[in-house]
Amino acid sequence: MPRGRTRLAAALGGRLPGPGRRIGLLGGSFNPAHRGHLEISRAALERLGLDQVWWLVSPQNPLKPERGMAPLGQRLTGARRLARGLRIRASALESALGTVYSADTVTALARRFPRCHFVWLMGADNLIQISAWKDWETIFRTLPVAVFDRPSYSLRALAATAARRFAGQRLPEAAARGLAERTPPAWVFIHQRLNRQSSTRIRAGRADPARD
């Protein structure tokens, strides 16, 4: 196996995906991983008919400060513990690929696994801010995208720059199950039971002695 694929296999627990697999990609710092990540992933597996979800635990999100960011190994261990026994693989794939930006990550994965069907997964809060990401349109033009409702973000998300830019490529929610095979750009907004948990809230709770 070529060295590059060996690194990817190691990042994925020793197993590379077979052709035709439908895989959701959920990127983030996972600082720490929490039930909100699980809910999006479970909803994606069910609503999009995916075989797996890969959590892309970022070495360092370029839009977030390094201060307060736990080491990658610690965040990866926590994510793997939370996802244990599920069809979710928590990985440091971006480290293995040598990518920093999500646009570069999706481009690299699409090139290395051309026979897999990847879908980019994100919460509605990220749809609001994705237009600030480097080469963000590349994500929409490389992979289908599924956006999941989050508390208080829906209206702003659907009025955001990205939603307006690709308004003509938005699919009805009823078409979500076939999203993985769609030719990008194609995206869908998924309504679901809302979870207010976030990594920021968890870290704030840990820092509050009254909550210990």
Protein backbone atom coordinates (compact mmCIF):
# COMPACT_ATOMS: atom_id res chain seq x y z
CA MET A 1 0.00 0.00 0.00
CA PRO A 2 1.46 3.46 -0.91
CA ARG A 3 2.65 5.50 2.05
CA GLY A 4 -0.13 8.09 1.68
CA ARG A 5 -2.86 5.46 1.79
CA THR A 6 -1.11 3.77 4.71
CA ARG A 7 -1.35 7.00 6.71
CA LEU A 8 -5.01 7.37 5.81
CA ALA A 9 -5.74 3.77 6.76
CA ALA A 10 -4.02 4.27 10.12
CA ALA A 11 -6.07 7.43 10.75
CA LEU A 12 -9.23 5.43 10.02
CA GLY A 13 -8.40 2.58 12.36
CA GLY A 14 -6.72 0.43 9.71
CA ARG A 15 -9.66 0.23 7.27
CA LEU A 16 -10.12 2.18 4.06
CA PRO A 17 -13.64 2.54 2.65
CA GLY A 18 -14.78 0.31 -0.17
CA PRO A 19 -16.25 1.60 -3.45
CA GLY A 20 -19.80 2.88 -3.33
CA ARG A 21 -19.76 3.67 0.39
CA ARG A 22 -21.88 6.65 1.44
CA ILE A 23 -19.93 8.62 4.03
CA GLY A 24 -20.79 11.80 5.91
CA LEU A 25 -17.96 14.15 6.88
CA LEU A 26 -18.39 16.20 10.07
CA GLY A 27 -15.49 18.55 10.69
CA GLY A 28 -14.70 20.49 13.83
CA SER A 29 -12.46 20.96 16.82
CA PHE A 30 -14.46 18.53 19.01
CA ASN A 31 -13.23 20.46 22.03
CA PRO A 32 -14.81 18.35 23.42
CA ALA A 33 -17.05 16.02 21.43
CA HIS A 34 -20.60 16.02 22.81
CA ARG A 35 -24.14 14.74 22.30
CA GLY A 36 -24.88 17.43 19.73
CA HIS A 37 -22.25 15.88 17.47
CA LEU A 38 -23.83 12.49 18.05
CA GLU A 39 -27.32 13.73 17.22
CA ILE A 40 -26.23 15.27 13.91
CA SER A 41 -24.33 12.09 13.03
CA ARG A 42 -27.21 9.78 13.91
CA ALA A 43 -29.64 11.96 11.99
CA ALA A 44 -27.28 11.91 9.00
CA LEU A 45 -26.98 8.12 9.08
CA GLU A 46 -30.74 7.74 9.16
CA ARG A 47 -32.02 10.60 7.02
CA LEU A 48 -29.31 10.46 4.34
CA GLY A 49 -28.98 6.68 4.26
CA LEU A 50 -25.26 6.79 5.00
CA ASP A 51 -23.01 3.84 5.74
CA GLN A 52 -20.70 5.80 8.05
CA VAL A 53 -19.95 9.23 9.43
CA TRP A 54 -16.36 10.37 9.80
CA TRP A 55 -15.56 12.96 12.45
CA LEU A 56 -12.67 15.06 11.18
CA VAL A 57 -11.03 16.22 14.40
CA SER A 58 -9.11 19.32 13.37
CA PRO A 59 -5.50 19.79 14.55
CA GLN A 60 -6.27 23.52 14.92
CA ASN A 61 -9.24 25.38 13.49
CA PRO A 62 -7.75 28.46 11.76
CA LEU A 63 -10.77 30.53 12.83
CA LYS A 64 -10.42 29.65 16.52
CA PRO A 65 -7.76 30.72 19.04
CA GLU A 66 -5.21 28.17 20.22
CA ARG A 67 -5.76 29.21 23.82
CA GLY A 68 -8.25 26.86 25.46
CA MET A 69 -7.83 24.24 22.73
CA ALA A 70 -7.05 20.82 24.19
CA PRO A 71 -4.27 18.80 22.50
CA LEU A 72 -5.34 16.89 19.40
CA GLY A 73 -4.71 13.50 21.01
CA GLN A 74 -6.94 14.36 23.95
CA ARG A 75 -9.77 15.59 21.74
CA LEU A 76 -9.45 12.56 19.48
CA THR A 77 -9.56 10.16 22.42
CA GLY A 78 -12.69 11.83 23.78
CA ALA A 79 -14.38 11.74 20.38
CA ARG A 80 -13.57 8.05 19.90
CA ARG A 81 -14.87 7.22 23.35
CA LEU A 82 -18.17 8.98 22.64
CA ALA A 83 -18.58 7.34 19.22
CA ARG A 84 -17.63 3.83 20.35
CA GLY A 85 -19.92 1.10 19.03
CA LEU A 86 -21.57 3.36 16.46
CA ARG A 87 -21.08 3.75 12.71
CA ILE A 88 -18.94 6.81 13.44
CA ARG A 89 -15.18 7.00 13.00
CA ALA A 90 -13.40 9.78 14.87
CA SER A 91 -10.14 10.47 13.08
CA ALA A 92 -7.22 12.86 12.65
CA LEU A 93 -7.55 12.60 8.87
CA GLU A 94 -6.56 16.23 8.34
CA SER A 95 -3.24 15.52 10.03
CA ALA A 96 -2.77 12.48 7.79
CA LEU A 97 -3.67 14.50 4.70
CA GLY A 98 -1.63 17.51 5.75
CA THR A 99 -4.59 19.85 5.19
CA VAL A 100 -5.63 22.86 7.28
CA TYR A 101 -8.71 24.16 5.48
CA SER A 102 -11.93 22.21 4.94
CA ALA A 103 -11.93 23.05 1.22
CA ASP A 104 -8.55 21.35 0.84
CA THR A 105 -9.68 18.39 2.94
CA VAL A 106 -12.77 17.63 0.86
CA THR A 107 -10.78 18.06 -2.37
CA ALA A 108 -8.13 15.61 -1.13
CA LEU A 109 -10.67 13.01 0.01
CA ALA A 110 -12.67 13.23 -3.22
CA ARG A 111 -9.45 12.71 -5.19
CA ARG A 112 -8.18 9.81 -3.07
CA PHE A 113 -11.53 7.99 -2.87
CA PRO A 114 -13.25 8.78 -6.18
CA ARG A 115 -15.62 5.80 -5.92
CA CYS A 116 -17.01 6.82 -2.53
CA HIS A 117 -19.99 9.12 -2.07
CA PHE A 118 -19.10 11.79 0.47
CA VAL A 119 -21.52 14.31 2.00
CA TRP A 120 -20.37 17.36 3.96
CA LEU A 121 -22.34 17.66 7.23
CA MET A 122 -22.73 20.81 9.30
CA GLY A 123 -25.02 22.57 11.73
CA ALA A 124 -27.07 25.61 10.76
CA ASP A 125 -24.70 27.81 12.79
CA ASN A 126 -21.86 26.89 10.42
CA LEU A 127 -23.98 27.72 7.36
CA ILE A 128 -24.12 31.27 8.71
CA GLN A 129 -20.35 31.62 8.97
CA ILE A 130 -19.08 29.34 6.19
CA SER A 131 -18.70 32.27 3.79
CA ALA A 132 -15.78 33.40 5.99
CA TRP A 133 -13.96 30.10 5.41
CA LYS A 134 -11.12 29.94 2.89
CA ASP A 135 -12.36 28.83 -0.55
CA TRP A 136 -15.70 27.92 1.00
CA GLU A 137 -17.51 27.55 -2.33
CA THR A 138 -15.16 24.66 -3.14
CA ILE A 139 -16.94 22.59 -0.48
CA PHE A 140 -20.34 23.08 -2.15
CA ARG A 141 -18.90 22.44 -5.61
CA THR A 142 -17.00 19.29 -4.57
CA LEU A 143 -19.51 17.46 -2.33
CA PRO A 144 -23.23 17.46 -1.62
CA VAL A 145 -23.95 19.28 1.65
CA ALA A 146 -26.44 18.50 4.44
CA VAL A 147 -27.22 21.27 6.93
CA PHE A 148 -28.86 20.34 10.25
CA ASP A 149 -31.13 22.62 12.22
CA ARG A 150 -29.81 24.03 15.50
CA PRO A 151 -31.60 26.10 18.16
CA SER A 152 -32.18 29.74 17.15
CA TYR A 153 -30.08 29.56 13.96
CA SER A 154 -32.53 28.43 11.25
CA LEU A 155 -33.80 31.77 9.99
CA ARG A 156 -30.37 33.39 9.94
CA ALA A 157 -28.83 30.32 8.30
CA LEU A 158 -31.33 30.26 5.45
CA ALA A 159 -30.78 33.98 4.85
CA ALA A 160 -26.97 33.69 4.98
CA THR A 161 -24.60 34.29 2.08
CA ALA A 162 -24.02 30.59 1.37
CA ALA A 163 -27.74 29.76 1.36
CA ARG A 164 -28.45 32.62 -1.03
CA ARG A 165 -25.48 31.83 -3.27
CA PHE A 166 -26.63 28.25 -3.77
CA ALA A 167 -30.39 28.81 -3.41
CA GLY A 168 -31.03 27.24 -6.81
CA GLN A 169 -29.28 24.02 -5.79
CA ARG A 170 -31.21 23.46 -2.55
CA LEU A 171 -33.20 20.24 -2.60
CA PRO A 172 -36.44 19.53 -0.74
CA GLU A 173 -35.97 17.72 2.55
CA ALA A 174 -37.82 14.72 1.11
CA ALA A 175 -34.90 14.20 -1.29
CA ALA A 176 -32.35 13.88 1.53
CA ARG A 177 -31.97 10.11 1.25
CA GLY A 178 -30.59 10.39 -2.26
CA LEU A 179 -28.30 13.34 -1.53
CA ALA A 180 -25.06 11.31 -1.47
CA GLU A 181 -25.46 10.39 -5.16
CA ARG A 182 -26.32 13.91 -6.30
CA THR A 183 -23.90 15.83 -8.47
CA PRO A 184 -22.71 18.91 -6.56
CA PRO A 185 -23.58 21.60 -5.95
CA ALA A 186 -26.60 20.14 -4.14
CA TRP A 187 -27.67 20.69 -0.55
CA VAL A 188 -30.53 20.06 1.81
CA PHE A 189 -31.65 21.58 5.11
CA ILE A 190 -32.66 18.94 7.65
CA HIS A 191 -35.15 19.77 10.40
CA GLN A 192 -34.67 17.68 13.52
CA ARG A 193 -35.05 17.58 17.28
CA LEU A 194 -32.89 20.39 18.60
CA ASN A 195 -30.05 20.01 21.09
CA ARG A 196 -28.61 23.13 22.73
CA GLN A 197 -25.44 21.41 23.89
CA SER A 198 -22.21 22.78 22.46
CA SER A 199 -18.49 22.48 23.16
CA THR A 200 -18.41 26.10 24.32
CA ARG A 201 -21.15 25.47 26.90
CA ILE A 202 -19.39 22.34 28.14
CA ARG A 203 -16.07 24.15 28.56
CA ALA A 204 -17.81 27.03 30.35
CA GLY A 205 -19.44 24.56 32.72
CA ARG A 206 -16.12 22.93 33.50
CA ALA A 207 -14.60 26.33 34.27
CA ASP A 208 -17.40 27.19 36.70
CA PRO A 209 -16.57 25.81 40.20
CA ALA A 210 -20.23 26.00 41.12
CA ARG A 211 -20.95 23.27 38.57
CA ASP A 212 -18.26 20.82 39.67
